[in-house]
PDB file of N, CA and C in Angstrom:
ATOM      1  N   ARG A   1     142.901 -93.254 134.546  1.00  0.00           N
ATOM      2  CA  ARG A   1     143.167 -93.044 133.288  1.00  0.00           C
ATOM      3  C   ARG A   1     142.577 -92.187 132.184  1.00  0.00           C
ATOM      4  N   HIS A   2     143.059 -91.703 131.441  1.00  0.00           N
ATOM      5  CA  HIS A   2     143.044 -90.015 130.921  1.00  0.00           C
ATOM      6  C   HIS A   2     141.366 -90.547 129.953  1.00  0.00           C
ATOM      7  N   VAL A   3     140.717 -89.309 130.391  1.00  0.00           N
ATOM      8  CA  VAL A   3     139.995 -89.518 129.663  1.00  0.00           C
ATOM      9  C   VAL A   3     139.313 -89.941 127.846  1.00  0.00           C
ATOM     10  N   ASN A   4     140.668 -89.998 127.072  1.00  0.00           N
ATOM     11  CA  ASN A   4     140.437 -90.039 125.931  1.00  0.00           C
ATOM     12  C   ASN A   4     140.687 -91.483 125.784  1.00  0.00           C
ATOM     13  N   GLN A   5     141.630 -91.790 126.763  1.00  0.00           N
ATOM     14  CA  GLN A   5     142.038 -93.599 126.491  1.00  0.00           C
ATOM     15  C   GLN A   5     140.777 -93.999 127.080  1.00  0.00           C
ATOM     16  N   GLN A   6     139.735 -93.829 128.077  1.00  0.00           N
ATOM     17  CA  GLN A   6     138.619 -94.106 128.633  1.00  0.00           C
ATOM     18  C   GLN A   6     137.848 -94.447 127.496  1.00  0.00           C
ATOM     19  N   ILE A   7     137.566 -93.447 126.437  1.00  0.00           N
ATOM     20  CA  ILE A   7     136.600 -93.221 125.428  1.00  0.00           C
ATOM     21  C   ILE A   7     136.900 -94.590 124.180  1.00  0.00           C
ATOM     22  N   CYS A   8     138.137 -94.190 124.282  1.00  0.00           N
ATOM     23  CA  CYS A   8     138.666 -95.440 122.818  1.00  0.00           C
ATOM     24  C   CYS A   8     138.612 -97.155 123.420  1.00  0.00           C
ATOM     25  N   GLN A   9     138.897 -96.916 124.707  1.00  0.00           N
ATOM     26  CA  GLN A   9     138.712 -98.482 125.086  1.00  0.00           C
ATOM     27  C   GLN A   9     136.998 -99.045 124.888  1.00  0.00           C
ATOM     28  N   ALA A  10     136.227 -98.114 125.915  1.00  0.00           N
ATOM     29  CA  ALA A  10     135.148 -98.123 125.608  1.00  0.00           C
ATOM     30  C   ALA A  10     134.392 -97.937 124.112  1.00  0.00           C
ATOM     31  N   ALA A  11     134.726 -97.302 123.532  1.00  0.00           N
ATOM     32  CA  ALA A  11     134.313 -97.782 121.861  1.00  0.00           C
ATOM     33  C   ALA A  11     134.843 -99.239 121.435  1.00  0.00           C
ATOM     34  N   LYS A  12     136.118 -99.539 121.853  1.00  0.00           N
ATOM     35  CA  LYS A  12     136.501-100.753 121.282  1.00  0.00           C
ATOM     36  C   LYS A  12     135.591-101.917 121.726  1.00  0.00           C
ATOM     37  N   LYS A  13     135.458-101.698 123.757  1.00  0.00           N
ATOM     38  CA  LYS A  13     134.335-102.798 124.037  1.00  0.00           C
ATOM     39  C   LYS A  13     133.322-102.755 123.467  1.00  0.00           C
ATOM     40  N   ALA A  14     132.493-101.771 123.208  1.00  0.00           N
ATOM     41  CA  ALA A  14     131.352-102.054 122.656  1.00  0.00           C
ATOM     42  C   ALA A  14     130.922-102.152 120.964  1.00  0.00           C
ATOM     43  N   SER A  15     131.855-102.206 120.531  1.00  0.00           N
ATOM     44  CA  SER A  15     132.532-102.598 119.281  1.00  0.00           C
ATOM     45  C   SER A  15     132.132-104.336 119.019  1.00  0.00           C
ATOM     46  N   LEU A  16     132.827-104.735 120.254  1.00  0.00           N
ATOM     47  CA  LEU A  16     132.591-106.082 120.597  1.00  0.00           C
ATOM     48  C   LEU A  16     131.381-106.892 121.598  1.00  0.00           C
ATOM     49  N   GLY A  17     130.630-105.649 121.630  1.00  0.00           N
ATOM     50  CA  GLY A  17     129.508-106.402 121.969  1.00  0.00           C
ATOM     51  C   GLY A  17     129.461-106.427 124.135  1.00  0.00           C
ATOM     52  N   LEU A  18     130.957-106.160 124.557  1.00  0.00           N
ATOM     53  CA  LEU A  18     130.886-106.235 125.777  1.00  0.00           C
ATOM     54  C   LEU A  18     131.213-104.830 126.908  1.00  0.00           C
ATOM     55  N   LEU A  19     130.359-104.025 126.457  1.00  0.00           N
ATOM     56  CA  LEU A  19     130.312-103.017 127.124  1.00  0.00           C
ATOM     57  C   LEU A  19     128.682-102.889 127.150  1.00  0.00           C
ATOM     58  N   GLU A  20     127.932-102.496 128.122  1.00  0.00           N
ATOM     59  CA  GLU A  20     126.580-102.187 128.023  1.00  0.00           C
ATOM     60  C   GLU A  20     126.692-101.024 128.227  1.00  0.00           C
ATOM     61  N   LYS A  21     127.028 -99.936 128.899  1.00  0.00           N
ATOM     62  CA  LYS A  21     127.336 -98.760 129.211  1.00  0.00           C
ATOM     63  C   LYS A  21     128.358 -98.121 130.052  1.00  0.00           C
ATOM     64  N   PHE A  22     128.464 -96.546 129.720  1.00  0.00           N
ATOM     65  CA  PHE A  22     130.200 -96.359 130.378  1.00  0.00           C
ATOM     66  C   PHE A  22     129.731 -94.973 130.672  1.00  0.00           C
ATOM     67  N   GLU A  23     130.281 -94.595 132.469  1.00  0.00           N
ATOM     68  CA  GLU A  23     129.515 -93.652 132.415  1.00  0.00           C
ATOM     69  C   GLU A  23     130.708 -92.472 133.108  1.00  0.00           C
ATOM     70  N   LEU A  24     130.092 -91.046 132.148  1.00  0.00           N
ATOM     71  CA  LEU A  24     131.291 -89.792 131.926  1.00  0.00           C
ATOM     72  C   LEU A  24     130.405 -88.918 132.859  1.00  0.00           C
ATOM     73  N   GLY A  25     131.146 -88.223 132.749  1.00  0.00           N
ATOM     74  CA  GLY A  25     130.878 -86.421 133.592  1.00  0.00           C
ATOM     75  C   GLY A  25     130.747 -85.510 132.512  1.00  0.00           C
ATOM     76  N   ASP A  26     130.763 -84.202 132.736  1.00  0.00           N
ATOM     77  CA  ASP A  26     130.237 -82.932 131.620  1.00  0.00           C
ATOM     78  C   ASP A  26     131.117 -83.158 130.314  1.00  0.00           C
ATOM     79  N   ILE A  27     130.311 -83.705 129.336  1.00  0.00           N
ATOM     80  CA  ILE A  27     131.265 -83.960 127.774  1.00  0.00           C
ATOM     81  C   ILE A  27     130.972 -82.751 127.222  1.00  0.00           C
ATOM     82  N   SER A  28     130.643 -81.744 127.980  1.00  0.00           N
ATOM     83  CA  SER A  28     130.923 -79.836 127.288  1.00  0.00           C
ATOM     84  C   SER A  28     132.325 -79.423 127.073  1.00  0.00           C
ATOM     85  N   VAL A  29     132.897 -79.832 128.218  1.00  0.00           N
ATOM     86  CA  VAL A  29     134.246 -79.861 128.531  1.00  0.00           C
ATOM     87  C   VAL A  29     135.373 -79.644 127.477  1.00  0.00           C
ATOM     88  N   GLN A  30     135.712 -78.494 127.133  1.00  0.00           N
ATOM     89  CA  GLN A  30     136.712 -78.542 126.220  1.00  0.00           C
ATOM     90  C   GLN A  30     138.609 -78.692 126.189  1.00  0.00           C
ATOM     91  N   LYS A  31     138.775 -79.837 125.292  1.00  0.00           N
ATOM     92  CA  LYS A  31     139.835 -80.361 125.626  1.00  0.00           C
ATOM     93  C   LYS A  31     140.651 -79.715 124.135  1.00  0.00           C
ATOM     94  N   GLU A  32     142.167 -79.903 124.350  1.00  0.00           N
ATOM     95  CA  GLU A  32     143.059 -79.935 123.136  1.00  0.00           C
ATOM     96  C   GLU A  32     143.044 -81.516 122.531  1.00  0.00           C
ATOM     97  N   PHE A  33     143.544 -81.634 121.752  1.00  0.00           N
ATOM     98  CA  PHE A  33     143.517 -83.460 121.008  1.00  0.00           C
ATOM     99  C   PHE A  33     145.023 -83.140 119.975  1.00  0.00           C
ATOM    100  N   CYS A  34     146.113 -82.976 120.813  1.00  0.00           N
ATOM    101  CA  CYS A  34     147.111 -83.203 119.913  1.00  0.00           C
ATOM    102  C   CYS A  34     148.486 -84.134 119.247  1.00  0.00           C
ATOM    103  N   TYR A  35     148.595 -84.563 118.712  1.00  0.00           N
ATOM    104  CA  TYR A  35     149.227 -85.169 117.955  1.00  0.00           C
ATOM    105  C   TYR A  35     150.697 -85.152 118.864  1.00  0.00           C
ATOM    106  N   ALA A  36     151.214 -86.311 119.640  1.00  0.00           N
ATOM    107  CA  ALA A  36     152.637 -86.814 120.865  1.00  0.00           C
ATOM    108  C   ALA A  36     153.438 -85.956 120.348  1.00  0.00           C
ATOM    109  N   ALA A  37     153.915 -86.459 118.815  1.00  0.00           N
ATOM    110  CA  ALA A  37     154.996 -85.836 118.186  1.00  0.00           C
ATOM    111  C   ALA A  37     155.488 -84.449 117.878  1.00  0.00           C
ATOM    112  N   ASP A  38     154.574 -83.711 117.920  1.00  0.00           N
ATOM    113  CA  ASP A  38     154.382 -82.200 118.249  1.00  0.00           C
ATOM    114  C   ASP A  38     154.852 -81.877 119.200  1.00  0.00           C
ATOM    115  N   ILE A  39     153.753 -82.459 120.342  1.00  0.00           N
ATOM    116  CA  ILE A  39     154.192 -82.020 121.758  1.00  0.00           C
ATOM    117  C   ILE A  39     155.490 -82.296 122.224  1.00  0.00           C
ATOM    118  N   VAL A  40     155.942 -83.716 121.979  1.00  0.00           N
ATOM    119  CA  VAL A  40     157.843 -83.648 122.253  1.00  0.00           C
ATOM    120  C   VAL A  40     158.414 -83.099 121.583  1.00  0.00           C
ATOM    121  N   ARG A  41     158.332 -82.309 120.497  1.00  0.00           N
ATOM    122  CA  ARG A  41     158.933 -81.799 119.591  1.00  0.00           C
ATOM    123  C   ARG A  41     158.914 -80.554 120.082  1.00  0.00           C
ATOM    124  N   GLY A  42     158.153 -80.049 120.670  1.00  0.00           N
ATOM    125  CA  GLY A  42     158.104 -78.690 121.355  1.00  0.00           C
ATOM    126  C   GLY A  42     158.863 -78.586 122.919  1.00  0.00           C
ATOM    127  N   ILE A  43     158.633 -79.907 123.357  1.00  0.00           N
ATOM    128  CA  ILE A  43     159.379 -80.067 124.643  1.00  0.00           C
ATOM    129  C   ILE A  43     160.936 -80.493 124.593  1.00  0.00           C
ATOM    130  N   TRP A  44     161.214 -80.828 123.351  1.00  0.00           N
ATOM    131  CA  TRP A  44     162.898 -80.779 122.969  1.00  0.00           C
ATOM    132  C   TRP A  44     163.146 -79.226 122.849  1.00  0.00           C
ATOM    133  N   GLU A  45     162.293 -78.473 122.278  1.00  0.00           N
ATOM    134  CA  GLU A  45     162.954 -77.436 121.930  1.00  0.00           C
ATOM    135  C   GLU A  45     163.501 -76.325 123.023  1.00  0.00           C
ATOM    136  N   PHE A  46     162.237 -76.767 124.488  1.00  0.00           N
ATOM    137  CA  PHE A  46     162.327 -75.896 125.206  1.00  0.00           C
ATOM    138  C   PHE A  46     163.711 -76.260 125.909  1.00  0.00           C
ATOM    139  N   VAL A  47     164.039 -77.638 125.966  1.00  0.00           N
ATOM    140  CA  VAL A  47     164.891 -78.316 126.908  1.00  0.00           C
ATOM    141  C   VAL A  47     166.292 -77.617 126.476  1.00  0.00           C
ATOM    142  N   ASN A  48     166.296 -77.737 125.241  1.00  0.00           N
ATOM    143  CA  ASN A  48     167.363 -77.297 124.547  1.00  0.00           C
ATOM    144  C   ASN A  48     167.610 -76.164 124.173  1.00  0.00           C
ATOM    145  N   ASN A  49     167.097 -75.221 124.355  1.00  0.00           N
ATOM    146  CA  ASN A  49     166.876 -73.925 124.306  1.00  0.00           C
ATOM    147  C   ASN A  49     168.221 -73.085 125.828  1.00  0.00           C
ATOM    148  N   ASP A  50     169.252 -72.163 125.160  1.00  0.00           N
ATOM    149  CA  ASP A  50     169.617 -71.328 125.742  1.00  0.00           C
ATOM    150  C   ASP A  50     169.054 -70.379 126.717  1.00  0.00           C
ATOM    151  N   SER A  51     167.905 -69.992 126.185  1.00  0.00           N
ATOM    152  CA  SER A  51     167.859 -69.404 126.997  1.00  0.00           C
ATOM    153  C   SER A  51     166.111 -69.593 127.899  1.00  0.00           C
ATOM    154  N   PHE A  52     165.619 -69.061 129.177  1.00  0.00           N
ATOM    155  CA  PHE A  52     164.847 -69.244 129.869  1.00  0.00           C
ATOM    156  C   PHE A  52     163.304 -68.283 129.300  1.00  0.00           C
ATOM    157  N   TYR A  53     162.122 -69.161 129.153  1.00  0.00           N
ATOM    158  CA  TYR A  53     161.029 -68.498 129.431  1.00  0.00           C
ATOM    159  C   TYR A  53     159.570 -69.137 129.439  1.00  0.00           C
ATOM    160  N   GLU A  54     158.804 -68.373 129.833  1.00  0.00           N
ATOM    161  CA  GLU A  54     157.388 -69.439 130.280  1.00  0.00           C
ATOM    162  C   GLU A  54     156.723 -69.704 128.966  1.00  0.00           C
ATOM    163  N   ALA A  55     156.424 -71.190 129.120  1.00  0.00           N
ATOM    164  CA  ALA A  55     155.822 -70.712 127.817  1.00  0.00           C
ATOM    165  C   ALA A  55     154.542 -72.268 127.653  1.00  0.00           C
ATOM    166  N   THR A  56     153.470 -72.117 126.794  1.00  0.00           N
ATOM    167  CA  THR A  56     152.627 -73.250 126.904  1.00  0.00           C
ATOM    168  C   THR A  56     152.482 -74.487 125.709  1.00  0.00           C
ATOM    169  N   ILE A  57     152.643 -75.526 125.474  1.00  0.00           N
ATOM    170  CA  ILE A  57     152.481 -76.366 124.407  1.00  0.00           C
ATOM    171  C   ILE A  57     150.779 -76.835 124.497  1.00  0.00           C
ATOM    172  N   GLY A  58     150.841 -76.959 123.150  1.00  0.00           N
ATOM    173  CA  GLY A  58     149.311 -77.162 122.822  1.00  0.00           C
ATOM    174  C   GLY A  58     149.292 -76.858 121.389  1.00  0.00           C
ATOM    175  N   SER A  59     147.754 -77.219 120.848  1.00  0.00           N
ATOM    176  CA  SER A  59     147.651 -77.128 119.373  1.00  0.00           C
ATOM    177  C   SER A  59     146.815 -75.400 119.214  1.00  0.00           C
ATOM    178  N   GLY A  60     145.905 -75.098 120.421  1.00  0.00           N
ATOM    179  CA  GLY A  60     145.388 -73.806 120.559  1.00  0.00           C
ATOM    180  C   GLY A  60     144.289 -74.089 119.787  1.00  0.00           C
ATOM    181  N   GLU A  61     143.853 -75.370 119.594  1.00  0.00           N
ATOM    182  CA  GLU A  61     142.505 -75.480 119.202  1.00  0.00           C
ATOM    183  C   GLU A  61     141.824 -76.389 120.241  1.00  0.00           C
ATOM    184  N   ALA A  62     140.555 -76.474 120.453  1.00  0.00           N
ATOM    185  CA  ALA A  62     139.589 -77.621 121.669  1.00  0.00           C
ATOM    186  C   ALA A  62     138.409 -77.760 121.252  1.00  0.00           C
ATOM    187  N   TYR A  63     138.332 -78.695 121.478  1.00  0.00           N
ATOM    188  CA  TYR A  63     136.921 -79.437 121.256  1.00  0.00           C
ATOM    189  C   TYR A  63     136.249 -79.945 122.358  1.00  0.00           C
ATOM    190  N   PRO A  64     134.718 -79.975 121.954  1.00  0.00           N
ATOM    191  CA  PRO A  64     134.375 -80.703 123.463  1.00  0.00           C
ATOM    192  C   PRO A  64     134.371 -82.554 123.286  1.00  0.00           C
ATOM    193  N   ILE A  65     134.642 -82.604 124.529  1.00  0.00           N
ATOM    194  CA  ILE A  65     134.550 -84.443 124.833  1.00  0.00           C
ATOM    195  C   ILE A  65     133.381 -85.111 124.349  1.00  0.00           C
ATOM    196  N   SER A  66     132.282 -84.480 123.714  1.00  0.00           N
ATOM    197  CA  SER A  66     131.522 -85.075 122.655  1.00  0.00           C
ATOM    198  C   SER A  66     131.596 -84.834 121.587  1.00  0.00           C
ATOM    199  N   TYR A  67     132.971 -84.392 121.129  1.00  0.00           N
ATOM    200  CA  TYR A  67     133.665 -84.653 119.833  1.00  0.00           C
ATOM    201  C   TYR A  67     134.593 -86.191 119.683  1.00  0.00           C
ATOM    202  N   TRP A  68     135.404 -86.230 120.621  1.00  0.00           N
ATOM    203  CA  TRP A  68     135.891 -87.128 121.000  1.00  0.00           C
ATOM    204  C   TRP A  68     135.115 -88.497 120.603  1.00  0.00           C
ATOM    205  N   LEU A  69     133.735 -88.348 121.560  1.00  0.00           N
ATOM    206  CA  LEU A  69     132.893 -89.671 121.477  1.00  0.00           C
ATOM    207  C   LEU A  69     132.471 -90.024 120.002  1.00  0.00           C
ATOM    208  N   ASP A  70     132.706 -89.075 119.303  1.00  0.00           N
ATOM    209  CA  ASP A  70     131.518 -89.171 117.758  1.00  0.00           C
ATOM    210  C   ASP A  70     132.620 -89.671 116.959  1.00  0.00           C
ATOM    211  N   LEU A  71     133.946 -89.333 117.380  1.00  0.00           N
ATOM    212  CA  LEU A  71     134.986 -89.894 116.381  1.00  0.00           C
ATOM    213  C   LEU A  71     135.592 -91.373 116.777  1.00  0.00           C
ATOM    214  N   CYS A  72     135.231 -91.811 117.904  1.00  0.00           N
ATOM    215  CA  CYS A  72     135.750 -93.015 118.395  1.00  0.00           C
ATOM    216  C   CYS A  72     134.767 -94.025 118.141  1.00  0.00           C
ATOM    217  N   PHE A  73     133.333 -93.758 118.834  1.00  0.00           N
ATOM    218  CA  PHE A  73     132.443 -94.511 118.573  1.00  0.00           C
ATOM    219  C   PHE A  73     132.197 -94.666 117.077  1.00  0.00           C
ATOM    220  N   GLY A  74     132.304 -93.610 115.883  1.00  0.00           N
ATOM    221  CA  GLY A  74     131.959 -92.861 114.610  1.00  0.00           C
ATOM    222  C   GLY A  74     132.351 -93.879 114.237  1.00  0.00           C
ATOM    223  N   PHE A  75     133.802 -94.542 114.550  1.00  0.00           N
ATOM    224  CA  PHE A  75     134.640 -95.631 113.742  1.00  0.00           C
ATOM    225  C   PHE A  75     134.410 -96.861 113.570  1.00  0.00           C
ATOM    226  N   TYR A  76     133.287 -97.013 114.277  1.00  0.00           N
ATOM    227  CA  TYR A  76     132.628 -98.915 114.973  1.00  0.00           C
ATOM    228  C   TYR A  76     131.181 -98.036 114.369  1.00  0.00           C
ATOM    229  N   ASN A  77     131.308 -97.630 113.887  1.00  0.00           N
ATOM    230  CA  ASN A  77     129.245 -96.918 113.384  1.00  0.00           C
ATOM    231  C   ASN A  77     128.272 -97.359 114.834  1.00  0.00           C
ATOM    232  N   ILE A  78     128.715 -96.756 115.855  1.00  0.00           N
ATOM    233  CA  ILE A  78     127.927 -97.031 116.663  1.00  0.00           C
ATOM    234  C   ILE A  78     127.814 -95.553 117.844  1.00  0.00           C
ATOM    235  N   ASP A  79     126.363 -95.618 117.780  1.00  0.00           N
ATOM    236  CA  ASP A  79     126.001 -94.210 118.551  1.00  0.00           C
ATOM    237  C   ASP A  79     126.312 -93.877 119.920  1.00  0.00           C
ATOM    238  N   TRP A  80     127.055 -93.289 120.292  1.00  0.00           N
ATOM    239  CA  TRP A  80     127.445 -93.497 121.525  1.00  0.00           C
ATOM    240  C   TRP A  80     126.774 -92.941 122.461  1.00  0.00           C
ATOM    241  N   ARG A  81     125.527 -92.390 122.055  1.00  0.00           N
ATOM    242  CA  ARG A  81     124.542 -91.780 123.008  1.00  0.00           C
ATOM    243  C   ARG A  81     123.615 -92.748 123.806  1.00  0.00           C
ATOM    244  N   ASP A  82     123.831 -94.363 122.996  1.00  0.00           N
ATOM    245  CA  ASP A  82     122.935 -95.644 123.374  1.00  0.00           C
ATOM    246  C   ASP A  82     124.186 -96.118 124.397  1.00  0.00           C
ATOM    247  N   LYS A  83     125.024 -95.525 124.571  1.00  0.00           N
ATOM    248  CA  LYS A  83     126.018 -96.497 125.505  1.00  0.00           C
ATOM    249  C   LYS A  83     126.948 -95.289 126.784  1.00  0.00           C
ATOM    250  N   VAL A  84     126.758 -94.214 126.389  1.00  0.00           N
ATOM    251  CA  VAL A  84     127.251 -92.900 127.601  1.00  0.00           C
ATOM    252  C   VAL A  84     125.671 -92.761 128.912  1.00  0.00           C
ATOM    253  N   VAL A  85     126.408 -93.092 129.856  1.00  0.00           N
ATOM    254  CA  VAL A  85     125.327 -92.154 130.724  1.00  0.00           C
ATOM    255  C   VAL A  85     125.863 -91.480 131.651  1.00  0.00           C
ATOM    256  N   PHE A  86     125.301 -90.070 132.097  1.00  0.00           N
ATOM    257  CA  PHE A  86     126.222 -88.846 132.954  1.00  0.00           C
ATOM    258  C   PHE A  86     125.824 -89.299 134.270  1.00  0.00           C
TER     259      PHE A  86
END
């Protein structure tokens, strides 16, 4: 499973009192968090284009995984530092 989904599920479990600890690796890794519909729109444009070229689809903005932890656990007013082990 993708780390974004793992973090979301861990935050939800923590809010329900079902999570004691959650193990993660390096949270300083930079990731792009994109809106799926925008990515699909970009893919659709590539597929329906008459010319061929190489490109990358993304937001162009990267954030550390710790930012996602802040957002997900913050939604439930939980300090992720109390739940995450490395």
